[in-house]
PDB file of N, CA and C in Angstrom:
ATOM      1  N   MET A   1     100.625  98.747 225.604  1.00  0.00           N
ATOM      2  CA  MET A   1     102.093  98.584 227.037  1.00  0.00           C
ATOM      3  C   MET A   1     101.045  96.759 227.019  1.00  0.00           C
ATOM      4  N   VAL A   2     102.383  96.461 227.562  1.00  0.00           N
ATOM      5  CA  VAL A   2     102.631  94.859 227.860  1.00  0.00           C
ATOM      6  C   VAL A   2     102.462  94.652 229.398  1.00  0.00           C
ATOM      7  N   GLN A   3     101.942  93.939 230.222  1.00  0.00           N
ATOM      8  CA  GLN A   3     101.922  94.098 231.168  1.00  0.00           C
ATOM      9  C   GLN A   3     102.286  92.045 232.172  1.00  0.00           C
ATOM     10  N   GLY A   4     102.700  91.668 232.143  1.00  0.00           N
ATOM     11  CA  GLY A   4     102.813  90.279 232.779  1.00  0.00           C
ATOM     12  C   GLY A   4     102.508  89.343 230.951  1.00  0.00           C
ATOM     13  N   GLY A   5     102.572  89.928 229.664  1.00  0.00           N
ATOM     14  CA  GLY A   5     102.251  89.240 229.036  1.00  0.00           C
ATOM     15  C   GLY A   5     100.591  89.562 228.148  1.00  0.00           C
ATOM     16  N   GLU A   6     100.011  89.929 229.142  1.00  0.00           N
ATOM     17  CA  GLU A   6      98.853  90.976 228.669  1.00  0.00           C
ATOM     18  C   GLU A   6      98.872  92.116 228.990  1.00  0.00           C
ATOM     19  N   ARG A   7      97.931  92.585 227.312  1.00  0.00           N
ATOM     20  CA  ARG A   7      97.604  94.243 227.283  1.00  0.00           C
ATOM     21  C   ARG A   7      96.766  94.810 228.608  1.00  0.00           C
ATOM     22  N   CYS A   8      97.112  95.726 228.827  1.00  0.00           N
ATOM     23  CA  CYS A   8      96.609  96.870 229.829  1.00  0.00           C
ATOM     24  C   CYS A   8      95.038  96.948 229.774  1.00  0.00           C
ATOM     25  N   PHE A   9      95.027  97.162 228.246  1.00  0.00           N
ATOM     26  CA  PHE A   9      93.764  97.705 228.355  1.00  0.00           C
ATOM     27  C   PHE A   9      92.530  97.361 227.543  1.00  0.00           C
ATOM     28  N   PRO A  10      93.025  95.849 227.617  1.00  0.00           N
ATOM     29  CA  PRO A  10      92.206  94.977 226.471  1.00  0.00           C
ATOM     30  C   PRO A  10      90.667  95.343 226.617  1.00  0.00           C
ATOM     31  N   GLU A  11      89.943  95.726 226.835  1.00  0.00           N
ATOM     32  CA  GLU A  11      88.828  96.072 226.261  1.00  0.00           C
ATOM     33  C   GLU A  11      89.169  97.714 225.551  1.00  0.00           C
ATOM     34  N   ARG A  12      89.810  98.166 225.871  1.00  0.00           N
ATOM     35  CA  ARG A  12      89.357  99.799 224.872  1.00  0.00           C
ATOM     36  C   ARG A  12      90.376  99.055 223.543  1.00  0.00           C
ATOM     37  N   ARG A  13      91.608  97.547 223.465  1.00  0.00           N
ATOM     38  CA  ARG A  13      92.098  97.230 222.160  1.00  0.00           C
ATOM     39  C   ARG A  13      90.896  96.774 221.366  1.00  0.00           C
ATOM     40  N   ALA A  14      89.698  95.677 222.424  1.00  0.00           N
ATOM     41  CA  ALA A  14      88.804  95.408 221.219  1.00  0.00           C
ATOM     42  C   ALA A  14      87.802  96.084 220.785  1.00  0.00           C
ATOM     43  N   ILE A  15      87.744  97.640 221.424  1.00  0.00           N
ATOM     44  CA  ILE A  15      87.022  98.428 220.580  1.00  0.00           C
ATOM     45  C   ILE A  15      87.604  99.000 219.368  1.00  0.00           C
ATOM     46  N   MET A  16      88.659  99.347 219.635  1.00  0.00           N
ATOM     47  CA  MET A  16      89.279  99.904 218.864  1.00  0.00           C
ATOM     48  C   MET A  16      89.434  98.817 217.058  1.00  0.00           C
ATOM     49  N   GLU A  17      89.704  97.795 217.718  1.00  0.00           N
ATOM     50  CA  GLU A  17      89.425  96.614 216.287  1.00  0.00           C
ATOM     51  C   GLU A  17      88.164  95.808 215.650  1.00  0.00           C
ATOM     52  N   SER A  18      87.019  96.582 217.141  1.00  0.00           N
ATOM     53  CA  SER A  18      86.126  96.512 215.916  1.00  0.00           C
ATOM     54  C   SER A  18      85.506  97.583 215.147  1.00  0.00           C
ATOM     55  N   MET A  19      86.298  98.471 215.310  1.00  0.00           N
ATOM     56  CA  MET A  19      85.898  99.979 214.468  1.00  0.00           C
ATOM     57  C   MET A  19      86.502  99.623 213.363  1.00  0.00           C
ATOM     58  N   GLY A  20      88.028  99.190 212.894  1.00  0.00           N
ATOM     59  CA  GLY A  20      88.875  98.479 212.149  1.00  0.00           C
ATOM     60  C   GLY A  20      87.623  98.300 210.688  1.00  0.00           C
ATOM     61  N   PRO A  21      86.438  97.504 210.738  1.00  0.00           N
ATOM     62  CA  PRO A  21      86.757  97.524 209.575  1.00  0.00           C
ATOM     63  C   PRO A  21      85.575  98.656 209.056  1.00  0.00           C
ATOM     64  N   LEU A  22      84.842  99.424 209.960  1.00  0.00           N
ATOM     65  CA  LEU A  22      84.746 100.658 208.899  1.00  0.00           C
ATOM     66  C   LEU A  22      85.266 101.442 208.919  1.00  0.00           C
ATOM     67  N   TYR A  23      86.639 101.959 209.430  1.00  0.00           N
ATOM     68  CA  TYR A  23      87.805 102.650 209.334  1.00  0.00           C
ATOM     69  C   TYR A  23      88.014 102.139 207.345  1.00  0.00           C
ATOM     70  N   ARG A  24      88.852 100.585 207.626  1.00  0.00           N
ATOM     71  CA  ARG A  24      89.166 100.384 206.444  1.00  0.00           C
ATOM     72  C   ARG A  24      88.304 100.931 205.305  1.00  0.00           C
ATOM     73  N   ALA A  25      86.882 100.182 205.099  1.00  0.00           N
ATOM     74  CA  ALA A  25      85.695 100.071 204.267  1.00  0.00           C
ATOM     75  C   ALA A  25      85.628 101.953 204.232  1.00  0.00           C
ATOM     76  N   LEU A  26      86.183 102.983 204.990  1.00  0.00           N
ATOM     77  CA  LEU A  26      86.576 104.236 204.293  1.00  0.00           C
ATOM     78  C   LEU A  26      87.187 104.725 204.064  1.00  0.00           C
ATOM     79  N   ARG A  27      88.601 104.308 204.187  1.00  0.00           N
ATOM     80  CA  ARG A  27      89.782 104.784 203.411  1.00  0.00           C
ATOM     81  C   ARG A  27      89.972 104.612 202.025  1.00  0.00           C
ATOM     82  N   GLN A  28      88.867 103.021 201.958  1.00  0.00           N
ATOM     83  CA  GLN A  28      89.521 102.286 200.502  1.00  0.00           C
ATOM     84  C   GLN A  28      88.221 102.874 199.469  1.00  0.00           C
ATOM     85  N   ARG A  29      87.096 104.087 199.847  1.00  0.00           N
ATOM     86  CA  ARG A  29      86.008 104.802 199.002  1.00  0.00           C
ATOM     87  C   ARG A  29      87.059 105.174 198.744  1.00  0.00           C
ATOM     88  N   TYR A  30      87.400 106.391 199.808  1.00  0.00           N
ATOM     89  CA  TYR A  30      87.561 108.031 199.682  1.00  0.00           C
ATOM     90  C   TYR A  30      88.574 107.929 199.906  1.00  0.00           C
ATOM     91  N   GLY A  31      89.755 107.302 200.060  1.00  0.00           N
ATOM     92  CA  GLY A  31      91.460 107.495 200.282  1.00  0.00           C
ATOM     93  C   GLY A  31      91.394 108.116 200.923  1.00  0.00           C
ATOM     94  N   HIS A  32      92.254 109.628 200.604  1.00  0.00           N
ATOM     95  CA  HIS A  32      93.018 110.281 201.713  1.00  0.00           C
ATOM     96  C   HIS A  32      91.639 112.262 201.562  1.00  0.00           C
ATOM     97  N   SER A  33      90.597 111.867 200.552  1.00  0.00           N
ATOM     98  CA  SER A  33      89.750 113.025 200.169  1.00  0.00           C
ATOM     99  C   SER A  33      88.731 113.157 201.645  1.00  0.00           C
ATOM    100  N   VAL A  34      88.798 112.299 202.505  1.00  0.00           N
ATOM    101  CA  VAL A  34      88.100 112.408 203.850  1.00  0.00           C
ATOM    102  C   VAL A  34      89.242 113.234 204.720  1.00  0.00           C
ATOM    103  N   GLU A  35      89.086 113.242 205.744  1.00  0.00           N
ATOM    104  CA  GLU A  35      89.587 112.874 207.138  1.00  0.00           C
ATOM    105  C   GLU A  35      88.804 112.315 208.369  1.00  0.00           C
ATOM    106  N   LEU A  36      90.249 110.931 208.519  1.00  0.00           N
ATOM    107  CA  LEU A  36      88.949 109.822 209.416  1.00  0.00           C
ATOM    108  C   LEU A  36      90.194 109.975 210.557  1.00  0.00           C
ATOM    109  N   ARG A  37      89.693 110.103 212.000  1.00  0.00           N
ATOM    110  CA  ARG A  37      90.929 110.190 213.157  1.00  0.00           C
ATOM    111  C   ARG A  37      89.947 109.561 213.903  1.00  0.00           C
ATOM    112  N   VAL A  38      90.906 108.583 214.888  1.00  0.00           N
ATOM    113  CA  VAL A  38      90.721 108.144 215.687  1.00  0.00           C
ATOM    114  C   VAL A  38      91.508 108.580 216.924  1.00  0.00           C
ATOM    115  N   VAL A  39      89.992 108.981 218.015  1.00  0.00           N
ATOM    116  CA  VAL A  39      91.303 109.742 219.047  1.00  0.00           C
ATOM    117  C   VAL A  39      90.080 109.246 220.062  1.00  0.00           C
ATOM    118  N   ASP A  40      90.782 109.150 221.141  1.00  0.00           N
ATOM    119  CA  ASP A  40      90.300 108.669 222.530  1.00  0.00           C
ATOM    120  C   ASP A  40      89.565 109.664 223.465  1.00  0.00           C
ATOM    121  N   PRO A  41      88.099 109.266 223.817  1.00  0.00           N
ATOM    122  CA  PRO A  41      87.538 110.685 224.458  1.00  0.00           C
ATOM    123  C   PRO A  41      88.458 111.464 224.957  1.00  0.00           C
ATOM    124  N   ARG A  42      88.907 110.257 226.015  1.00  0.00           N
ATOM    125  CA  ARG A  42      89.945 110.958 227.339  1.00  0.00           C
ATOM    126  C   ARG A  42      90.605 112.025 226.491  1.00  0.00           C
ATOM    127  N   ASN A  43      91.453 111.819 225.534  1.00  0.00           N
ATOM    128  CA  ASN A  43      92.930 112.823 224.972  1.00  0.00           C
ATOM    129  C   ASN A  43      92.016 114.011 224.614  1.00  0.00           C
ATOM    130  N   LEU A  44      91.030 115.148 225.337  1.00  0.00           N
ATOM    131  CA  LEU A  44      91.107 116.548 225.055  1.00  0.00           C
ATOM    132  C   LEU A  44      91.989 117.475 224.357  1.00  0.00           C
ATOM    133  N   VAL A  45      93.203 117.236 224.088  1.00  0.00           N
ATOM    134  CA  VAL A  45      93.963 117.859 223.684  1.00  0.00           C
ATOM    135  C   VAL A  45      93.706 117.718 222.603  1.00  0.00           C
ATOM    136  N   SER A  46      93.485 116.244 221.630  1.00  0.00           N
ATOM    137  CA  SER A  46      93.402 116.207 219.950  1.00  0.00           C
ATOM    138  C   SER A  46      91.881 116.808 219.947  1.00  0.00           C
ATOM    139  N   LEU A  47      91.082 116.112 220.739  1.00  0.00           N
ATOM    140  CA  LEU A  47      89.982 116.139 221.021  1.00  0.00           C
ATOM    141  C   LEU A  47      89.213 117.345 220.280  1.00  0.00           C
ATOM    142  N   LEU A  48      89.334 118.373 221.236  1.00  0.00           N
ATOM    143  CA  LEU A  48      88.893 119.967 221.305  1.00  0.00           C
ATOM    144  C   LEU A  48      88.837 120.756 219.968  1.00  0.00           C
ATOM    145  N   PRO A  49      90.252 120.817 219.726  1.00  0.00           N
ATOM    146  CA  PRO A  49      90.622 121.354 218.294  1.00  0.00           C
ATOM    147  C   PRO A  49      89.648 120.544 217.122  1.00  0.00           C
ATOM    148  N   ILE A  50      89.704 119.749 216.923  1.00  0.00           N
ATOM    149  CA  ILE A  50      88.763 118.943 216.422  1.00  0.00           C
ATOM    150  C   ILE A  50      87.528 119.559 215.879  1.00  0.00           C
ATOM    151  N   LEU A  51      87.131 119.582 217.076  1.00  0.00           N
ATOM    152  CA  LEU A  51      86.034 119.330 216.962  1.00  0.00           C
ATOM    153  C   LEU A  51      85.455 120.270 216.947  1.00  0.00           C
ATOM    154  N   TRP A  52      85.861 121.793 217.253  1.00  0.00           N
ATOM    155  CA  TRP A  52      85.440 122.950 216.845  1.00  0.00           C
ATOM    156  C   TRP A  52      86.255 123.851 215.768  1.00  0.00           C
ATOM    157  N   ARG A  53      87.323 123.012 215.257  1.00  0.00           N
ATOM    158  CA  ARG A  53      87.358 123.132 213.376  1.00  0.00           C
ATOM    159  C   ARG A  53      86.587 122.948 212.557  1.00  0.00           C
ATOM    160  N   ASP A  54      85.854 121.526 213.286  1.00  0.00           N
ATOM    161  CA  ASP A  54      84.705 120.642 212.333  1.00  0.00           C
ATOM    162  C   ASP A  54      83.292 121.925 212.457  1.00  0.00           C
ATOM    163  N   ALA A  55      83.583 122.068 213.486  1.00  0.00           N
ATOM    164  CA  ALA A  55      82.147 122.648 214.150  1.00  0.00           C
ATOM    165  C   ALA A  55      81.877 123.938 213.720  1.00  0.00           C
ATOM    166  N   ARG A  56      83.248 125.176 213.045  1.00  0.00           N
ATOM    167  CA  ARG A  56      83.235 126.140 212.324  1.00  0.00           C
ATOM    168  C   ARG A  56      82.724 126.017 211.458  1.00  0.00           C
ATOM    169  N   ARG A  57      83.589 124.799 210.376  1.00  0.00           N
ATOM    170  CA  ARG A  57      83.495 124.613 209.020  1.00  0.00           C
ATOM    171  C   ARG A  57      82.483 124.057 208.289  1.00  0.00           C
ATOM    172  N   HIS A  58      81.844 123.062 209.428  1.00  0.00           N
ATOM    173  CA  HIS A  58      80.322 122.957 208.761  1.00  0.00           C
ATOM    174  C   HIS A  58      79.197 123.542 209.712  1.00  0.00           C
ATOM    175  N   HIS A  59      79.574 125.117 209.779  1.00  0.00           N
ATOM    176  CA  HIS A  59      78.386 125.809 210.534  1.00  0.00           C
ATOM    177  C   HIS A  59      77.257 124.905 212.096  1.00  0.00           C
ATOM    178  N   VAL A  60      78.169 124.313 212.616  1.00  0.00           N
ATOM    179  CA  VAL A  60      77.599 123.876 213.665  1.00  0.00           C
ATOM    180  C   VAL A  60      77.553 124.766 214.992  1.00  0.00           C
ATOM    181  N   GLY A  61      76.196 125.104 215.316  1.00  0.00           N
ATOM    182  CA  GLY A  61      76.280 126.288 216.594  1.00  0.00           C
ATOM    183  C   GLY A  61      77.361 125.327 217.430  1.00  0.00           C
ATOM    184  N   LEU A  62      77.342 126.754 219.013  1.00  0.00           N
ATOM    185  CA  LEU A  62      77.919 126.064 220.037  1.00  0.00           C
ATOM    186  C   LEU A  62      77.059 125.538 220.915  1.00  0.00           C
ATOM    187  N   LEU A  63      76.268 125.294 221.109  1.00  0.00           N
ATOM    188  CA  LEU A  63      75.297 124.715 221.402  1.00  0.00           C
ATOM    189  C   LEU A  63      75.747 123.069 221.431  1.00  0.00           C
ATOM    190  N   ASP A  64      74.870 123.342 219.972  1.00  0.00           N
ATOM    191  CA  ASP A  64      75.113 121.528 219.892  1.00  0.00           C
ATOM    192  C   ASP A  64      76.659 121.111 219.320  1.00  0.00           C
ATOM    193  N   THR A  65      77.981 121.459 219.007  1.00  0.00           N
ATOM    194  CA  THR A  65      78.990 121.572 219.514  1.00  0.00           C
ATOM    195  C   THR A  65      79.101 121.297 221.234  1.00  0.00           C
ATOM    196  N   LEU A  66      78.810 121.826 221.618  1.00  0.00           N
ATOM    197  CA  LEU A  66      79.265 121.361 223.187  1.00  0.00           C
ATOM    198  C   LEU A  66      78.030 120.061 223.718  1.00  0.00           C
ATOM    199  N   ARG A  67      77.361 120.087 223.062  1.00  0.00           N
ATOM    200  CA  ARG A  67      76.528 118.881 223.522  1.00  0.00           C
ATOM    201  C   ARG A  67      77.039 117.252 222.135  1.00  0.00           C
ATOM    202  N   THR A  68      77.622 117.947 221.565  1.00  0.00           N
ATOM    203  CA  THR A  68      78.715 117.102 220.985  1.00  0.00           C
ATOM    204  C   THR A  68      79.989 116.272 221.917  1.00  0.00           C
ATOM    205  N   LEU A  69      80.553 117.296 222.173  1.00  0.00           N
ATOM    206  CA  LEU A  69      81.733 117.221 223.497  1.00  0.00           C
ATOM    207  C   LEU A  69      81.670 116.448 224.468  1.00  0.00           C
ATOM    208  N   PHE A  70      79.433 116.544 225.185  1.00  0.00           N
ATOM    209  CA  PHE A  70      79.497 116.379 226.629  1.00  0.00           C
ATOM    210  C   PHE A  70      79.157 114.812 226.107  1.00  0.00           C
ATOM    211  N   GLN A  71      78.408 114.387 225.070  1.00  0.00           N
ATOM    212  CA  GLN A  71      78.158 113.190 224.867  1.00  0.00           C
ATOM    213  C   GLN A  71      79.046 112.170 223.856  1.00  0.00           C
ATOM    214  N   ILE A  72      80.118 112.242 223.903  1.00  0.00           N
ATOM    215  CA  ILE A  72      81.256 111.318 223.492  1.00  0.00           C
ATOM    216  C   ILE A  72      81.552 110.414 224.371  1.00  0.00           C
ATOM    217  N   SER A  73      81.307 109.031 223.939  1.00  0.00           N
ATOM    218  CA  SER A  73      81.629 108.220 224.200  1.00  0.00           C
ATOM    219  C   SER A  73      83.556 107.392 223.558  1.00  0.00           C
ATOM    220  N   VAL A  74      83.256 106.300 223.897  1.00  0.00           N
ATOM    221  CA  VAL A  74      84.501 105.461 223.251  1.00  0.00           C
ATOM    222  C   VAL A  74      84.279 104.652 221.686  1.00  0.00           C
ATOM    223  N   THR A  75      82.751 105.035 221.852  1.00  0.00           N
ATOM    224  CA  THR A  75      82.258 104.113 220.486  1.00  0.00           C
ATOM    225  C   THR A  75      81.338 105.236 219.748  1.00  0.00           C
ATOM    226  N   THR A  76      81.596 106.227 219.540  1.00  0.00           N
ATOM    227  CA  THR A  76      80.804 107.767 219.160  1.00  0.00           C
ATOM    228  C   THR A  76      81.712 107.993 218.227  1.00  0.00           C
ATOM    229  N   THR A  77      80.927 108.213 216.622  1.00  0.00           N
ATOM    230  CA  THR A  77      80.958 108.464 215.413  1.00  0.00           C
ATOM    231  C   THR A  77      80.860 109.341 215.379  1.00  0.00           C
ATOM    232  N   VAL A  78      81.559 110.550 214.978  1.00  0.00           N
ATOM    233  CA  VAL A  78      81.000 112.251 214.762  1.00  0.00           C
ATOM    234  C   VAL A  78      81.811 112.462 213.494  1.00  0.00           C
ATOM    235  N   VAL A  79      80.674 112.775 212.493  1.00  0.00           N
ATOM    236  CA  VAL A  79      80.796 113.205 211.305  1.00  0.00           C
ATOM    237  C   VAL A  79      80.769 114.805 211.088  1.00  0.00           C
ATOM    238  N   ASN A  80      81.361 115.806 210.422  1.00  0.00           N
ATOM    239  CA  ASN A  80      81.195 117.091 210.241  1.00  0.00           C
ATOM    240  C   ASN A  80      80.534 117.740 211.693  1.00  0.00           C
ATOM    241  N   GLY A  81      81.358 117.158 212.849  1.00  0.00           N
ATOM    242  CA  GLY A  81      81.103 117.837 213.814  1.00  0.00           C
ATOM    243  C   GLY A  81      79.902 118.122 214.671  1.00  0.00           C
ATOM    244  N   ARG A  82      79.106 116.731 213.655  1.00  0.00           N
ATOM    245  CA  ARG A  82      77.777 116.184 214.826  1.00  0.00           C
ATOM    246  C   ARG A  82      77.882 114.493 215.057  1.00  0.00           C
ATOM    247  N   ILE A  83      77.077 114.464 215.936  1.00  0.00           N
ATOM    248  CA  ILE A  83      77.310 113.157 216.516  1.00  0.00           C
ATOM    249  C   ILE A  83      76.391 112.289 215.442  1.00  0.00           C
ATOM    250  N   LEU A  84      76.898 111.439 214.742  1.00  0.00           N
ATOM    251  CA  LEU A  84      75.890 110.026 213.831  1.00  0.00           C
ATOM    252  C   LEU A  84      75.416 108.976 214.883  1.00  0.00           C
ATOM    253  N   SER A  85      76.947 108.600 215.154  1.00  0.00           N
ATOM    254  CA  SER A  85      76.114 107.238 216.354  1.00  0.00           C
ATOM    255  C   SER A  85      76.751 107.058 217.513  1.00  0.00           C
ATOM    256  N   ARG A  86      76.247 106.816 218.317  1.00  0.00           N
ATOM    257  CA  ARG A  86      77.126 106.638 219.821  1.00  0.00           C
ATOM    258  C   ARG A  86      76.691 104.566 220.866  1.00  0.00           C
ATOM    259  N   GLY A  87      77.161 104.316 220.752  1.00  0.00           N
ATOM    260  CA  GLY A  87      77.798 103.108 221.071  1.00  0.00           C
ATOM    261  C   GLY A  87      77.069 102.428 220.760  1.00  0.00           C
ATOM    262  N   HIS A  88      77.629 102.215 219.554  1.00  0.00           N
ATOM    263  CA  HIS A  88      78.485 101.385 218.397  1.00  0.00           C
ATOM    264  C   HIS A  88      78.669 101.495 217.361  1.00  0.00           C
ATOM    265  N   TRP A  89      79.242 101.188 216.002  1.00  0.00           N
ATOM    266  CA  TRP A  89      79.649 101.772 215.129  1.00  0.00           C
ATOM    267  C   TRP A  89      78.665 101.533 213.957  1.00  0.00           C
ATOM    268  N   PRO A  90      78.444 102.862 213.066  1.00  0.00           N
ATOM    269  CA  PRO A  90      77.678 102.700 212.195  1.00  0.00           C
ATOM    270  C   PRO A  90      78.123 101.866 211.062  1.00  0.00           C
ATOM    271  N   SER A  91      77.169 101.473 210.422  1.00  0.00           N
ATOM    272  CA  SER A  91      77.229 100.547 208.950  1.00  0.00           C
ATOM    273  C   SER A  91      77.875 101.667 207.875  1.00  0.00           C
ATOM    274  N   VAL A  92      78.894 101.698 207.339  1.00  0.00           N
ATOM    275  CA  VAL A  92      79.270 102.084 206.241  1.00  0.00           C
ATOM    276  C   VAL A  92      78.278 102.432 205.718  1.00  0.00           C
ATOM    277  N   GLU A  93      77.917 102.200 205.254  1.00  0.00           N
ATOM    278  CA  GLU A  93      76.149 102.960 204.089  1.00  0.00           C
ATOM    279  C   GLU A  93      75.802 104.268 204.896  1.00  0.00           C
ATOM    280  N   HIS A  94      75.609 103.703 206.289  1.00  0.00           N
ATOM    281  CA  HIS A  94      74.764 104.827 206.755  1.00  0.00           C
ATOM    282  C   HIS A  94      75.757 106.221 206.840  1.00  0.00           C
ATOM    283  N   VAL A  95      76.859 105.840 207.021  1.00  0.00           N
ATOM    284  CA  VAL A  95      78.553 106.766 207.080  1.00  0.00           C
ATOM    285  C   VAL A  95      78.635 107.935 205.681  1.00  0.00           C
ATOM    286  N   VAL A  96      78.405 107.046 204.564  1.00  0.00           N
ATOM    287  CA  VAL A  96      79.018 107.091 203.331  1.00  0.00           C
ATOM    288  C   VAL A  96      77.652 108.347 202.838  1.00  0.00           C
ATOM    289  N   ALA A  97      76.335 107.678 203.858  1.00  0.00           N
ATOM    290  CA  ALA A  97      75.191 108.375 203.056  1.00  0.00           C
ATOM    291  C   ALA A  97      75.575 109.968 203.929  1.00  0.00           C
ATOM    292  N   GLN A  98      75.724 110.364 204.719  1.00  0.00           N
ATOM    293  CA  GLN A  98      75.841 111.117 205.808  1.00  0.00           C
ATOM    294  C   GLN A  98      76.872 112.007 204.862  1.00  0.00           C
ATOM    295  N   LEU A  99      77.924 111.516 204.514  1.00  0.00           N
ATOM    296  CA  LEU A  99      78.853 112.655 204.272  1.00  0.00           C
ATOM    297  C   LEU A  99      78.564 112.611 203.120  1.00  0.00           C
ATOM    298  N   GLU A 100      77.675 111.931 201.797  1.00  0.00           N
ATOM    299  CA  GLU A 100      77.366 112.425 200.871  1.00  0.00           C
ATOM    300  C   GLU A 100      75.732 113.506 200.886  1.00  0.00           C
ATOM    301  N   GLY A 101      75.301 113.966 201.937  1.00  0.00           N
ATOM    302  CA  GLY A 101      74.491 114.513 202.325  1.00  0.00           C
ATOM    303  C   GLY A 101      73.075 113.678 201.823  1.00  0.00           C
ATOM    304  N   THR A 102      72.978 112.915 201.767  1.00  0.00           N
ATOM    305  CA  THR A 102      72.062 111.935 201.414  1.00  0.00           C
ATOM    306  C   THR A 102      70.543 111.837 202.880  1.00  0.00           C
ATOM    307  N   ALA A 103      71.222 111.468 203.904  1.00  0.00           N
ATOM    308  CA  ALA A 103      70.620 111.142 204.736  1.00  0.00           C
ATOM    309  C   ALA A 103      70.816 112.372 205.851  1.00  0.00           C
ATOM    310  N   GLY A 104      70.215 111.852 207.402  1.00  0.00           N
ATOM    311  CA  GLY A 104      70.511 112.778 208.626  1.00  0.00           C
ATOM    312  C   GLY A 104      71.146 112.051 209.084  1.00  0.00           C
ATOM    313  N   ALA A 105      71.723 113.290 210.643  1.00  0.00           N
ATOM    314  CA  ALA A 105      72.645 112.702 211.503  1.00  0.00           C
ATOM    315  C   ALA A 105      71.306 111.528 213.037  1.00  0.00           C
ATOM    316  N   HIS A 106      71.829 110.686 213.587  1.00  0.00           N
ATOM    317  CA  HIS A 106      70.368 110.114 214.287  1.00  0.00           C
ATOM    318  C   HIS A 106      71.516 109.329 215.490  1.00  0.00           C
ATOM    319  N   PRO A 107      71.967 110.254 216.498  1.00  0.00           N
ATOM    320  CA  PRO A 107      72.785 109.519 217.383  1.00  0.00           C
ATOM    321  C   PRO A 107      72.174 108.794 217.627  1.00  0.00           C
TER     322      PRO A 107
END
């Protein structure tokens, strides 16, 4: 939305744009073989079913799923139902290691 020639939420836009290189690198590496979702944490209608499905698919317990839900912020990266990083975008290598099972998740 533009209001008086300026974006309504420039800080959110800046955060989204800073996530772009990570998104593009993962899409380039994996194509459509991985599911990449960008969801505003305020959008619970989208977020809840995604987290629930991923938690079930990847055998994440209810307590860990709730912890993930309540700790999500705008700059949170969730991989397979668990928080991988929070407060910053992780490196591509860190996400790849998690996806390929060669590293543990550390928020």
